[in-house]
């Protein structure tokens, strides 16, 4: 894949996420975004809060990796090749199209969420306005970081949740963030549909 095409696709993904959350979801009543399908299921606001918390951690590692790449002078290359591990992780995480045109995308693999990333563990629900504001600022931060990535080699590696024990290429890290966000925006959309009686 051409590096320029990969970066353009990532910019488009961030704008798509902005449209869903800061246009579509922001226009909904707060009660719709806060309504949980069950006592153990996340609301749309919970999904966005989780995305923001996870992104904060990954962006911390990515910003450090970009700074190191800039210091080392790792200039861009014409072609970007995703790593095998990164491809597998993103494929497992991203929602997959369901059979039938009307069916929503499927979330295949489900697993436990680490404590501090699970909004259900909070003693009080975070206000929707605060979650939306924080996510908007985070999207701006991501756009700025992606612009910096235009000046480095996307094969530079970044730590993950497991620190230096699992490092992914920068391009794969971005794909991971997009897949993770898509996964939970789809989950949030289902919560919205249930809150509106459309499910």
N, C-alpha and C. Protein backbone atom coordinates (compact mmCIF):
# COMPACT_ATOMS: atom_id res chain seq x y z
N UNK A 1 0.85 -1.19 0.00
CA UNK A 1 0.00 0.00 0.00
C UNK A 1 0.89 1.25 0.00
N UNK A 2 0.52 2.22 -0.82
CA UNK A 2 1.25 3.47 -0.81
C UNK A 2 1.06 4.16 0.54
N UNK A 3 2.16 4.68 1.10
CA UNK A 3 2.09 5.33 2.39
C UNK A 3 1.11 6.50 2.36
N UNK A 4 1.12 7.26 1.27
CA UNK A 4 0.21 8.41 1.16
C UNK A 4 -1.24 7.95 1.20
N UNK A 5 -1.54 6.81 0.57
CA UNK A 5 -2.92 6.29 0.58
C UNK A 5 -3.30 5.83 1.99
N UNK A 6 -2.37 5.19 2.68
CA UNK A 6 -2.65 4.73 4.05
C UNK A 6 -2.95 5.92 4.96
N UNK A 7 -2.16 6.99 4.84
CA UNK A 7 -2.38 8.17 5.67
C UNK A 7 -3.70 8.86 5.33
N UNK A 8 -4.02 8.92 4.02
CA UNK A 8 -5.28 9.54 3.61
C UNK A 8 -6.47 8.76 4.16
N UNK A 9 -6.38 7.43 4.15
CA UNK A 9 -7.46 6.59 4.68
C UNK A 9 -7.62 6.81 6.18
N UNK A 10 -6.51 6.97 6.89
CA UNK A 10 -6.58 7.20 8.34
C UNK A 10 -7.20 8.56 8.65
N UNK A 11 -6.85 9.58 7.87
CA UNK A 11 -7.48 10.89 8.06
C UNK A 11 -8.99 10.79 7.84
N UNK A 12 -9.39 10.03 6.82
CA UNK A 12 -10.82 9.86 6.54
C UNK A 12 -11.51 9.12 7.69
N UNK A 13 -10.83 8.14 8.27
CA UNK A 13 -11.41 7.40 9.39
C UNK A 13 -11.64 8.33 10.59
N UNK A 14 -10.68 9.20 10.88
CA UNK A 14 -10.84 10.11 12.01
C UNK A 14 -12.00 11.08 11.77
N UNK A 15 -12.16 11.53 10.54
CA UNK A 15 -13.28 12.43 10.24
C UNK A 15 -14.60 11.69 10.34
N UNK A 16 -14.61 10.42 9.94
CA UNK A 16 -15.83 9.61 10.07
C UNK A 16 -16.20 9.45 11.54
N UNK A 17 -15.22 9.20 12.37
CA UNK A 17 -15.49 9.08 13.81
C UNK A 17 -16.01 10.39 14.38
N UNK A 18 -15.47 11.49 13.90
CA UNK A 18 -15.94 12.80 14.36
C UNK A 18 -17.40 13.02 13.97
N UNK A 19 -17.75 12.62 12.74
CA UNK A 19 -19.13 12.80 12.28
C UNK A 19 -20.10 12.00 13.13
N UNK A 20 -19.75 10.75 13.43
CA UNK A 20 -20.65 9.89 14.20
C UNK A 20 -20.85 10.44 15.61
N UNK A 21 -19.76 10.80 16.26
CA UNK A 21 -19.84 11.15 17.69
C UNK A 21 -20.22 12.61 17.91
N UNK A 22 -19.58 13.52 17.21
CA UNK A 22 -19.77 14.94 17.50
C UNK A 22 -20.83 15.58 16.63
N UNK A 23 -21.38 14.83 15.66
CA UNK A 23 -22.54 15.33 14.91
C UNK A 23 -23.76 14.49 15.23
N UNK A 24 -23.70 13.19 14.89
CA UNK A 24 -24.88 12.34 15.05
C UNK A 24 -25.24 12.11 16.52
N UNK A 25 -24.27 11.64 17.31
CA UNK A 25 -24.57 11.33 18.70
C UNK A 25 -24.81 12.59 19.52
N UNK A 26 -24.08 13.64 19.24
CA UNK A 26 -24.24 14.87 20.01
C UNK A 26 -25.64 15.45 19.83
N UNK A 27 -26.28 15.16 18.70
CA UNK A 27 -27.62 15.67 18.43
C UNK A 27 -28.71 14.90 19.17
N UNK A 28 -28.36 13.76 19.75
CA UNK A 28 -29.34 12.93 20.46
C UNK A 28 -29.55 13.44 21.89
N UNK A 29 -30.72 13.17 22.47
CA UNK A 29 -30.92 13.52 23.89
C UNK A 29 -29.91 12.78 24.76
N UNK A 30 -29.45 13.44 25.82
CA UNK A 30 -28.45 12.81 26.69
C UNK A 30 -28.97 11.50 27.26
N UNK A 31 -30.27 11.45 27.56
CA UNK A 31 -30.85 10.23 28.11
C UNK A 31 -30.72 9.04 27.18
N UNK A 32 -30.79 9.29 25.87
CA UNK A 32 -30.63 8.21 24.89
C UNK A 32 -29.21 7.68 24.92
N UNK A 33 -28.24 8.58 25.03
CA UNK A 33 -26.85 8.16 25.06
C UNK A 33 -26.48 7.48 26.37
N UNK A 34 -27.18 7.82 27.44
CA UNK A 34 -26.86 7.27 28.76
C UNK A 34 -27.56 5.94 29.06
N UNK A 35 -28.60 5.62 28.29
CA UNK A 35 -29.41 4.44 28.62
C UNK A 35 -28.65 3.15 28.31
N UNK A 36 -28.53 2.31 29.32
CA UNK A 36 -27.84 1.03 29.18
C UNK A 36 -28.85 -0.06 28.83
N UNK A 37 -28.53 -0.90 27.85
CA UNK A 37 -29.46 -1.98 27.49
C UNK A 37 -29.76 -2.94 28.64
N UNK A 38 -28.79 -3.09 29.55
CA UNK A 38 -28.98 -3.90 30.75
C UNK A 38 -28.00 -3.39 31.79
N UNK A 39 -28.08 -3.97 32.99
CA UNK A 39 -27.21 -3.51 34.07
C UNK A 39 -25.73 -3.77 33.79
N UNK A 40 -25.43 -4.73 32.93
CA UNK A 40 -24.04 -5.07 32.62
C UNK A 40 -23.63 -4.68 31.20
N UNK A 41 -24.50 -3.99 30.49
CA UNK A 41 -24.19 -3.60 29.10
C UNK A 41 -23.92 -2.10 29.04
N UNK A 42 -22.99 -1.72 28.18
CA UNK A 42 -22.61 -0.31 28.07
C UNK A 42 -23.63 0.48 27.27
N UNK A 43 -23.83 1.71 27.68
CA UNK A 43 -24.58 2.68 26.88
C UNK A 43 -23.66 3.24 25.80
N UNK A 44 -24.23 4.06 24.91
CA UNK A 44 -23.40 4.71 23.90
C UNK A 44 -22.36 5.61 24.56
N UNK A 45 -22.77 6.33 25.62
CA UNK A 45 -21.83 7.20 26.33
C UNK A 45 -20.73 6.39 26.99
N UNK A 46 -21.07 5.21 27.53
CA UNK A 46 -20.06 4.32 28.11
C UNK A 46 -19.05 3.90 27.05
N UNK A 47 -19.55 3.55 25.87
CA UNK A 47 -18.67 3.12 24.78
C UNK A 47 -17.68 4.22 24.42
N UNK A 48 -18.19 5.45 24.33
CA UNK A 48 -17.31 6.57 23.98
C UNK A 48 -16.32 6.87 25.10
N UNK A 49 -16.76 6.74 26.35
CA UNK A 49 -15.85 6.94 27.47
C UNK A 49 -14.74 5.90 27.44
N UNK A 50 -15.08 4.65 27.15
CA UNK A 50 -14.08 3.59 27.06
C UNK A 50 -13.10 3.87 25.92
N UNK A 51 -13.61 4.27 24.77
CA UNK A 51 -12.73 4.60 23.63
C UNK A 51 -11.73 5.68 24.05
N UNK A 52 -12.23 6.72 24.70
CA UNK A 52 -11.35 7.81 25.10
C UNK A 52 -10.27 7.38 26.06
N UNK A 53 -10.63 6.55 27.04
CA UNK A 53 -9.63 6.09 28.01
C UNK A 53 -8.57 5.21 27.34
N UNK A 54 -9.00 4.30 26.49
CA UNK A 54 -8.05 3.43 25.81
C UNK A 54 -7.15 4.24 24.87
N UNK A 55 -7.76 5.16 24.12
CA UNK A 55 -6.98 5.98 23.20
C UNK A 55 -5.91 6.79 23.92
N UNK A 56 -6.25 7.32 25.10
CA UNK A 56 -5.27 8.10 25.86
C UNK A 56 -4.00 7.30 26.10
N UNK A 57 -4.18 6.05 26.50
CA UNK A 57 -3.03 5.20 26.79
C UNK A 57 -2.22 4.93 25.53
N UNK A 58 -2.90 4.57 24.44
CA UNK A 58 -2.18 4.27 23.20
C UNK A 58 -1.53 5.52 22.61
N UNK A 59 -2.21 6.64 22.67
CA UNK A 59 -1.63 7.87 22.13
C UNK A 59 -0.38 8.27 22.89
N UNK A 60 -0.35 8.03 24.18
CA UNK A 60 0.86 8.31 24.97
C UNK A 60 2.05 7.56 24.40
N UNK A 61 1.87 6.26 24.13
CA UNK A 61 2.96 5.46 23.56
C UNK A 61 3.30 5.91 22.14
N UNK A 62 2.28 6.21 21.36
CA UNK A 62 2.50 6.59 19.97
C UNK A 62 3.22 7.93 19.86
N UNK A 63 2.87 8.88 20.69
CA UNK A 63 3.54 10.18 20.66
C UNK A 63 5.01 10.03 21.02
N UNK A 64 5.32 9.19 21.96
CA UNK A 64 6.72 8.94 22.31
C UNK A 64 7.45 8.28 21.15
N UNK A 65 6.78 7.32 20.49
CA UNK A 65 7.41 6.63 19.36
C UNK A 65 7.65 7.59 18.19
N UNK A 66 6.70 8.48 17.94
CA UNK A 66 6.88 9.45 16.86
C UNK A 66 8.04 10.39 17.18
N UNK A 67 8.14 10.83 18.43
CA UNK A 67 9.25 11.71 18.83
C UNK A 67 10.59 11.01 18.62
N UNK A 68 10.67 9.71 18.98
CA UNK A 68 11.91 8.96 18.77
C UNK A 68 12.23 8.85 17.28
N UNK A 69 11.21 8.57 16.47
CA UNK A 69 11.44 8.45 15.03
C UNK A 69 11.91 9.77 14.43
N UNK A 70 11.35 10.87 14.92
CA UNK A 70 11.78 12.19 14.44
C UNK A 70 13.23 12.45 14.82
N UNK A 71 13.60 12.11 16.05
CA UNK A 71 14.96 12.32 16.51
C UNK A 71 15.96 11.47 15.72
N UNK A 72 15.54 10.26 15.35
CA UNK A 72 16.41 9.36 14.60
C UNK A 72 16.41 9.65 13.11
N UNK A 73 15.55 10.56 12.66
CA UNK A 73 15.48 10.90 11.25
C UNK A 73 14.91 9.80 10.38
N UNK A 74 13.94 9.06 10.90
CA UNK A 74 13.32 7.98 10.11
C UNK A 74 12.32 8.59 9.15
N UNK A 75 12.77 8.93 7.97
CA UNK A 75 11.94 9.63 6.99
C UNK A 75 10.94 8.69 6.34
N UNK A 76 9.86 9.24 5.75
CA UNK A 76 8.82 8.41 5.15
C UNK A 76 9.35 7.55 4.01
N UNK A 77 8.69 6.42 3.81
CA UNK A 77 8.99 5.55 2.67
C UNK A 77 7.75 5.52 1.78
N UNK A 78 7.95 5.18 0.51
CA UNK A 78 6.85 5.22 -0.45
C UNK A 78 5.77 4.20 -0.21
N UNK A 79 6.17 3.01 0.25
CA UNK A 79 5.21 1.92 0.46
C UNK A 79 5.18 1.53 1.93
N UNK A 80 3.97 1.29 2.42
CA UNK A 80 3.82 0.80 3.79
C UNK A 80 3.29 -0.62 3.76
N UNK A 81 3.95 -1.50 4.54
CA UNK A 81 3.52 -2.90 4.62
C UNK A 81 3.12 -3.21 6.06
N UNK A 82 1.84 -3.48 6.31
CA UNK A 82 1.42 -3.85 7.67
C UNK A 82 2.14 -5.12 8.13
N UNK A 83 2.39 -5.22 9.42
CA UNK A 83 2.99 -6.42 9.98
C UNK A 83 1.96 -7.54 10.11
N UNK A 84 2.45 -8.78 10.13
CA UNK A 84 1.54 -9.93 10.21
C UNK A 84 0.73 -9.90 11.51
N UNK A 85 1.39 -9.59 12.63
CA UNK A 85 0.69 -9.57 13.91
C UNK A 85 -0.33 -8.44 13.94
N UNK A 86 0.06 -7.28 13.44
CA UNK A 86 -0.86 -6.15 13.41
C UNK A 86 -2.10 -6.45 12.59
N UNK A 87 -1.92 -7.10 11.44
CA UNK A 87 -3.05 -7.47 10.60
C UNK A 87 -4.01 -8.40 11.34
N UNK A 88 -3.43 -9.38 12.04
CA UNK A 88 -4.27 -10.36 12.77
C UNK A 88 -5.06 -9.68 13.89
N UNK A 89 -4.39 -8.83 14.64
CA UNK A 89 -5.05 -8.17 15.76
C UNK A 89 -6.19 -7.29 15.26
N UNK A 90 -5.94 -6.51 14.22
CA UNK A 90 -6.96 -5.61 13.70
C UNK A 90 -8.13 -6.38 13.09
N UNK A 91 -7.84 -7.48 12.41
CA UNK A 91 -8.90 -8.28 11.82
C UNK A 91 -9.79 -8.89 12.89
N UNK A 92 -9.19 -9.30 14.02
CA UNK A 92 -9.97 -9.89 15.10
C UNK A 92 -10.82 -8.84 15.81
N UNK A 93 -10.34 -7.60 15.84
CA UNK A 93 -10.99 -6.55 16.61
C UNK A 93 -12.12 -5.87 15.85
N UNK A 94 -11.93 -5.64 14.57
CA UNK A 94 -12.88 -4.84 13.80
C UNK A 94 -14.21 -5.55 13.61
N UNK A 95 -15.32 -4.80 13.59
CA UNK A 95 -16.61 -5.40 13.25
C UNK A 95 -16.57 -5.94 11.83
N UNK A 96 -17.25 -7.07 11.60
CA UNK A 96 -17.27 -7.67 10.27
C UNK A 96 -18.67 -7.62 9.70
N UNK A 97 -18.79 -7.41 8.39
CA UNK A 97 -20.14 -7.35 7.79
C UNK A 97 -20.90 -8.65 8.04
N UNK A 98 -22.16 -8.51 8.42
CA UNK A 98 -23.01 -9.68 8.64
C UNK A 98 -23.63 -10.12 7.33
N UNK A 99 -24.09 -11.33 7.31
CA UNK A 99 -24.79 -11.83 6.13
C UNK A 99 -26.15 -11.15 6.04
N UNK A 100 -26.49 -10.71 4.86
CA UNK A 100 -27.76 -10.01 4.68
C UNK A 100 -27.55 -8.51 4.75
N UNK A 101 -28.18 -7.79 3.84
CA UNK A 101 -27.94 -6.35 3.73
C UNK A 101 -28.45 -5.57 4.93
N UNK A 102 -29.53 -6.05 5.57
CA UNK A 102 -30.13 -5.29 6.66
C UNK A 102 -29.47 -5.57 8.01
N UNK A 103 -28.70 -6.65 8.08
CA UNK A 103 -28.11 -7.04 9.36
C UNK A 103 -26.96 -6.11 9.71
N UNK A 104 -26.82 -5.74 11.00
CA UNK A 104 -25.70 -4.89 11.41
C UNK A 104 -24.39 -5.68 11.41
N UNK A 105 -23.26 -4.99 11.37
CA UNK A 105 -21.97 -5.69 11.46
C UNK A 105 -21.87 -6.50 12.74
N UNK A 106 -21.11 -7.59 12.68
CA UNK A 106 -20.94 -8.46 13.83
C UNK A 106 -19.65 -8.13 14.56
N UNK A 107 -19.68 -8.23 15.88
CA UNK A 107 -18.47 -8.14 16.70
C UNK A 107 -18.13 -9.57 17.09
N UNK A 108 -17.06 -10.09 16.50
CA UNK A 108 -16.79 -11.52 16.62
C UNK A 108 -16.23 -11.93 17.97
N UNK A 109 -15.12 -11.32 18.35
CA UNK A 109 -14.42 -11.76 19.55
C UNK A 109 -14.70 -10.78 20.69
N UNK A 110 -15.19 -11.31 21.78
CA UNK A 110 -15.48 -10.49 22.95
C UNK A 110 -14.64 -10.97 24.12
N UNK A 111 -14.15 -10.03 24.89
CA UNK A 111 -13.31 -10.39 26.03
C UNK A 111 -13.52 -9.40 27.16
N UNK A 112 -12.95 -9.68 28.32
CA UNK A 112 -13.10 -8.78 29.46
C UNK A 112 -12.35 -7.47 29.25
N UNK A 113 -12.86 -6.42 29.87
CA UNK A 113 -12.23 -5.11 29.81
C UNK A 113 -11.49 -4.85 31.11
N UNK A 114 -10.24 -4.41 31.00
CA UNK A 114 -9.47 -4.09 32.20
C UNK A 114 -10.19 -3.04 33.03
N UNK A 115 -10.08 -3.16 34.35
CA UNK A 115 -10.85 -2.35 35.28
C UNK A 115 -10.95 -0.88 34.97
N UNK A 116 -9.83 -0.20 34.81
CA UNK A 116 -9.90 1.26 34.67
C UNK A 116 -10.46 1.69 33.33
N UNK A 117 -10.59 0.76 32.39
CA UNK A 117 -11.15 1.09 31.08
C UNK A 117 -12.63 0.74 30.99
N UNK A 118 -13.20 0.21 32.08
CA UNK A 118 -14.61 -0.20 32.10
C UNK A 118 -15.43 0.86 32.82
N UNK A 119 -16.26 1.62 32.09
CA UNK A 119 -17.05 2.68 32.73
C UNK A 119 -18.04 2.16 33.77
N UNK A 120 -18.43 0.91 33.68
CA UNK A 120 -19.38 0.37 34.65
C UNK A 120 -18.79 0.29 36.05
N UNK A 121 -17.47 0.35 36.15
CA UNK A 121 -16.82 0.28 37.46
C UNK A 121 -16.77 1.64 38.16
N UNK A 122 -17.13 2.69 37.45
CA UNK A 122 -17.12 4.02 38.05
C UNK A 122 -18.26 4.15 39.06
N UNK A 123 -18.02 4.76 40.20
CA UNK A 123 -19.10 4.92 41.18
C UNK A 123 -20.24 5.80 40.67
N UNK A 124 -19.92 6.76 39.80
CA UNK A 124 -20.94 7.63 39.22
C UNK A 124 -20.75 7.70 37.71
N UNK A 125 -21.86 7.85 37.00
CA UNK A 125 -21.79 7.93 35.55
C UNK A 125 -21.17 9.27 35.13
N UNK A 126 -20.24 9.22 34.18
CA UNK A 126 -19.61 10.44 33.68
C UNK A 126 -20.63 11.22 32.88
N UNK A 127 -20.74 12.55 33.07
CA UNK A 127 -21.69 13.34 32.27
C UNK A 127 -21.41 13.21 30.77
N UNK A 128 -22.47 13.06 29.99
CA UNK A 128 -22.32 12.88 28.54
C UNK A 128 -21.57 14.06 27.92
N UNK A 129 -21.90 15.27 28.33
CA UNK A 129 -21.25 16.45 27.74
C UNK A 129 -19.75 16.43 27.96
N UNK A 130 -19.32 15.97 29.14
CA UNK A 130 -17.89 15.90 29.44
C UNK A 130 -17.21 14.84 28.57
N UNK A 131 -17.88 13.71 28.37
CA UNK A 131 -17.32 12.65 27.53
C UNK A 131 -17.18 13.12 26.09
N UNK A 132 -18.20 13.79 25.56
CA UNK A 132 -18.16 14.28 24.19
C UNK A 132 -17.08 15.35 24.02
N UNK A 133 -16.97 16.24 24.99
CA UNK A 133 -15.95 17.29 24.91
C UNK A 133 -14.55 16.69 24.93
N UNK A 134 -14.36 15.73 25.82
CA UNK A 134 -13.05 15.10 25.92
C UNK A 134 -12.70 14.37 24.63
N UNK A 135 -13.68 13.68 24.05
CA UNK A 135 -13.40 12.94 22.83
C UNK A 135 -13.11 13.88 21.66
N UNK A 136 -13.81 15.01 21.59
CA UNK A 136 -13.52 15.98 20.55
C UNK A 136 -12.09 16.50 20.64
N UNK A 137 -11.64 16.80 21.86
CA UNK A 137 -10.26 17.24 22.06
C UNK A 137 -9.28 16.13 21.70
N UNK A 138 -9.66 14.91 22.02
CA UNK A 138 -8.78 13.79 21.69
C UNK A 138 -8.66 13.59 20.18
N UNK A 139 -9.76 13.76 19.46
CA UNK A 139 -9.70 13.66 18.00
C UNK A 139 -8.76 14.71 17.42
N UNK A 140 -8.81 15.92 17.96
CA UNK A 140 -7.89 16.97 17.51
C UNK A 140 -6.44 16.55 17.76
N UNK A 141 -6.20 15.97 18.91
CA UNK A 141 -4.85 15.47 19.26
C UNK A 141 -4.42 14.38 18.27
N UNK A 142 -5.34 13.51 17.91
CA UNK A 142 -5.01 12.43 16.98
C UNK A 142 -4.70 12.97 15.59
N UNK A 143 -5.46 13.97 15.15
CA UNK A 143 -5.19 14.57 13.84
C UNK A 143 -3.80 15.18 13.82
N UNK A 144 -3.44 15.89 14.90
CA UNK A 144 -2.10 16.49 14.96
C UNK A 144 -1.01 15.43 14.93
N UNK A 145 -1.24 14.33 15.64
CA UNK A 145 -0.24 13.26 15.65
C UNK A 145 -0.14 12.59 14.28
N UNK A 146 -1.28 12.40 13.63
CA UNK A 146 -1.26 11.79 12.31
C UNK A 146 -0.53 12.67 11.31
N UNK A 147 -0.68 13.98 11.45
CA UNK A 147 0.06 14.90 10.58
C UNK A 147 1.57 14.77 10.81
N UNK A 148 1.98 14.57 12.06
CA UNK A 148 3.40 14.35 12.34
C UNK A 148 3.87 13.04 11.72
N UNK A 149 2.99 12.06 11.66
CA UNK A 149 3.35 10.76 11.08
C UNK A 149 3.62 10.86 9.59
N UNK A 150 3.15 11.91 8.96
CA UNK A 150 3.44 12.11 7.54
C UNK A 150 4.93 12.35 7.31
N UNK A 151 5.66 12.71 8.36
CA UNK A 151 7.09 13.00 8.23
C UNK A 151 8.00 11.89 8.69
N UNK A 152 7.42 10.72 9.08
CA UNK A 152 8.26 9.61 9.55
C UNK A 152 7.93 8.32 8.79
N UNK A 153 8.74 7.32 9.02
CA UNK A 153 8.50 5.99 8.46
C UNK A 153 7.44 5.29 9.32
N UNK A 154 6.32 4.89 8.72
CA UNK A 154 5.25 4.23 9.46
C UNK A 154 5.63 2.83 9.94
N UNK A 155 6.81 2.36 9.56
CA UNK A 155 7.29 1.08 10.07
C UNK A 155 7.94 1.22 11.44
N UNK A 156 8.16 2.48 11.90
CA UNK A 156 8.69 2.69 13.25
C UNK A 156 7.75 2.03 14.25
N UNK A 157 8.31 1.47 15.31
CA UNK A 157 7.50 0.68 16.24
C UNK A 157 7.12 1.47 17.49
N UNK A 158 5.96 1.10 18.03
CA UNK A 158 5.43 1.73 19.24
C UNK A 158 5.06 0.66 20.25
N UNK A 159 5.23 0.98 21.53
CA UNK A 159 4.76 0.09 22.58
C UNK A 159 3.23 0.01 22.56
N UNK A 160 2.70 -1.05 23.14
CA UNK A 160 1.27 -1.24 23.28
C UNK A 160 0.93 -1.31 24.77
N UNK A 161 -0.25 -1.84 25.06
CA UNK A 161 -0.66 -2.01 26.45
C UNK A 161 0.33 -2.85 27.23
N UNK A 162 1.02 -3.77 26.53
CA UNK A 162 1.99 -4.65 27.17
C UNK A 162 3.40 -4.05 27.20
N UNK A 163 3.49 -2.76 26.88
CA UNK A 163 4.79 -2.09 26.92
C UNK A 163 5.74 -2.64 25.87
N UNK A 164 7.03 -2.74 26.19
CA UNK A 164 8.01 -3.19 25.19
C UNK A 164 7.89 -4.68 24.86
N UNK A 165 7.04 -5.40 25.59
CA UNK A 165 6.89 -6.84 25.32
C UNK A 165 6.07 -7.09 24.05
N UNK A 166 5.26 -6.10 23.64
CA UNK A 166 4.52 -6.21 22.39
C UNK A 166 4.54 -4.85 21.72
N UNK A 167 5.31 -4.78 20.63
CA UNK A 167 5.44 -3.52 19.90
C UNK A 167 4.90 -3.72 18.49
N UNK A 168 4.16 -2.73 18.00
CA UNK A 168 3.59 -2.79 16.66
C UNK A 168 4.11 -1.63 15.82
N UNK A 169 4.08 -1.83 14.51
CA UNK A 169 4.43 -0.74 13.60
C UNK A 169 3.44 0.41 13.77
N UNK A 170 3.92 1.63 13.54
CA UNK A 170 3.07 2.80 13.73
C UNK A 170 1.82 2.73 12.87
N UNK A 171 1.95 2.30 11.64
CA UNK A 171 0.78 2.15 10.78
C UNK A 171 -0.21 1.16 11.35
N UNK A 172 0.28 0.08 11.95
CA UNK A 172 -0.60 -0.91 12.57
C UNK A 172 -1.25 -0.37 13.83
N UNK A 173 -0.54 0.48 14.56
CA UNK A 173 -1.12 1.10 15.75
C UNK A 173 -2.32 1.96 15.35
N UNK A 174 -2.17 2.71 14.27
CA UNK A 174 -3.29 3.53 13.80
C UNK A 174 -4.45 2.65 13.36
N UNK A 175 -4.16 1.57 12.66
CA UNK A 175 -5.22 0.65 12.24
C UNK A 175 -5.91 0.05 13.45
N UNK A 176 -5.14 -0.23 14.50
CA UNK A 176 -5.71 -0.77 15.73
C UNK A 176 -6.68 0.24 16.35
N UNK A 177 -6.27 1.50 16.45
CA UNK A 177 -7.14 2.52 17.03
C UNK A 177 -8.44 2.66 16.24
N UNK A 178 -8.34 2.61 14.92
CA UNK A 178 -9.54 2.72 14.08
C UNK A 178 -10.44 1.51 14.30
N UNK A 179 -9.87 0.30 14.29
CA UNK A 179 -10.66 -0.91 14.47
C UNK A 179 -11.32 -0.93 15.85
N UNK A 180 -10.57 -0.55 16.87
CA UNK A 180 -11.11 -0.52 18.24
C UNK A 180 -12.25 0.49 18.34
N UNK A 181 -12.08 1.66 17.75
CA UNK A 181 -13.14 2.67 17.78
C UNK A 181 -14.35 2.20 17.01
N UNK A 182 -14.16 1.64 15.81
CA UNK A 182 -15.28 1.12 15.03
C UNK A 182 -16.06 0.07 15.81
N UNK A 183 -15.34 -0.78 16.50
CA UNK A 183 -15.97 -1.85 17.30
C UNK A 183 -16.93 -1.27 18.33
N UNK A 184 -16.46 -0.26 19.06
CA UNK A 184 -17.27 0.26 20.15
C UNK A 184 -18.30 1.30 19.68
N UNK A 185 -18.06 1.95 18.54
CA UNK A 185 -19.11 2.80 17.97
C UNK A 185 -20.27 1.94 17.49
N UNK A 186 -19.98 0.77 16.93
CA UNK A 186 -21.04 -0.15 16.53
C UNK A 186 -21.81 -0.63 17.76
N UNK A 187 -21.09 -0.93 18.84
CA UNK A 187 -21.73 -1.32 20.09
C UNK A 187 -22.61 -0.18 20.61
N UNK A 188 -22.09 1.05 20.55
CA UNK A 188 -22.86 2.20 21.00
C UNK A 188 -24.09 2.45 20.15
N UNK A 189 -23.97 2.23 18.84
CA UNK A 189 -25.11 2.41 17.95
C UNK A 189 -26.24 1.44 18.31
N UNK A 190 -25.87 0.22 18.65
CA UNK A 190 -26.89 -0.75 19.07
C UNK A 190 -27.57 -0.31 20.36
N UNK A 191 -26.81 0.26 21.29
CA UNK A 191 -27.39 0.77 22.53
C UNK A 191 -28.36 1.91 22.25
N UNK A 192 -27.99 2.79 21.30
CA UNK A 192 -28.88 3.89 20.92
C UNK A 192 -30.18 3.34 20.32
N UNK A 193 -30.05 2.36 19.45
CA UNK A 193 -31.24 1.77 18.82
C UNK A 193 -32.17 1.15 19.85
N UNK A 194 -31.59 0.50 20.84
CA UNK A 194 -32.40 -0.11 21.90
C UNK A 194 -33.07 0.98 22.75
N UNK A 195 -32.33 2.04 23.03
CA UNK A 195 -32.89 3.14 23.83
C UNK A 195 -34.05 3.81 23.10
N UNK A 196 -34.01 3.81 21.77
CA UNK A 196 -35.06 4.44 20.97
C UNK A 196 -36.14 3.44 20.55
N UNK A 197 -35.98 2.18 21.00
CA UNK A 197 -36.97 1.17 20.68
C UNK A 197 -36.92 0.70 19.25
N UNK A 198 -35.71 0.79 18.62
CA UNK A 198 -35.58 0.41 17.22
C UNK A 198 -34.97 -0.97 17.05
N UNK A 199 -34.47 -1.56 18.14
CA UNK A 199 -33.80 -2.87 18.03
C UNK A 199 -34.82 -4.00 18.01
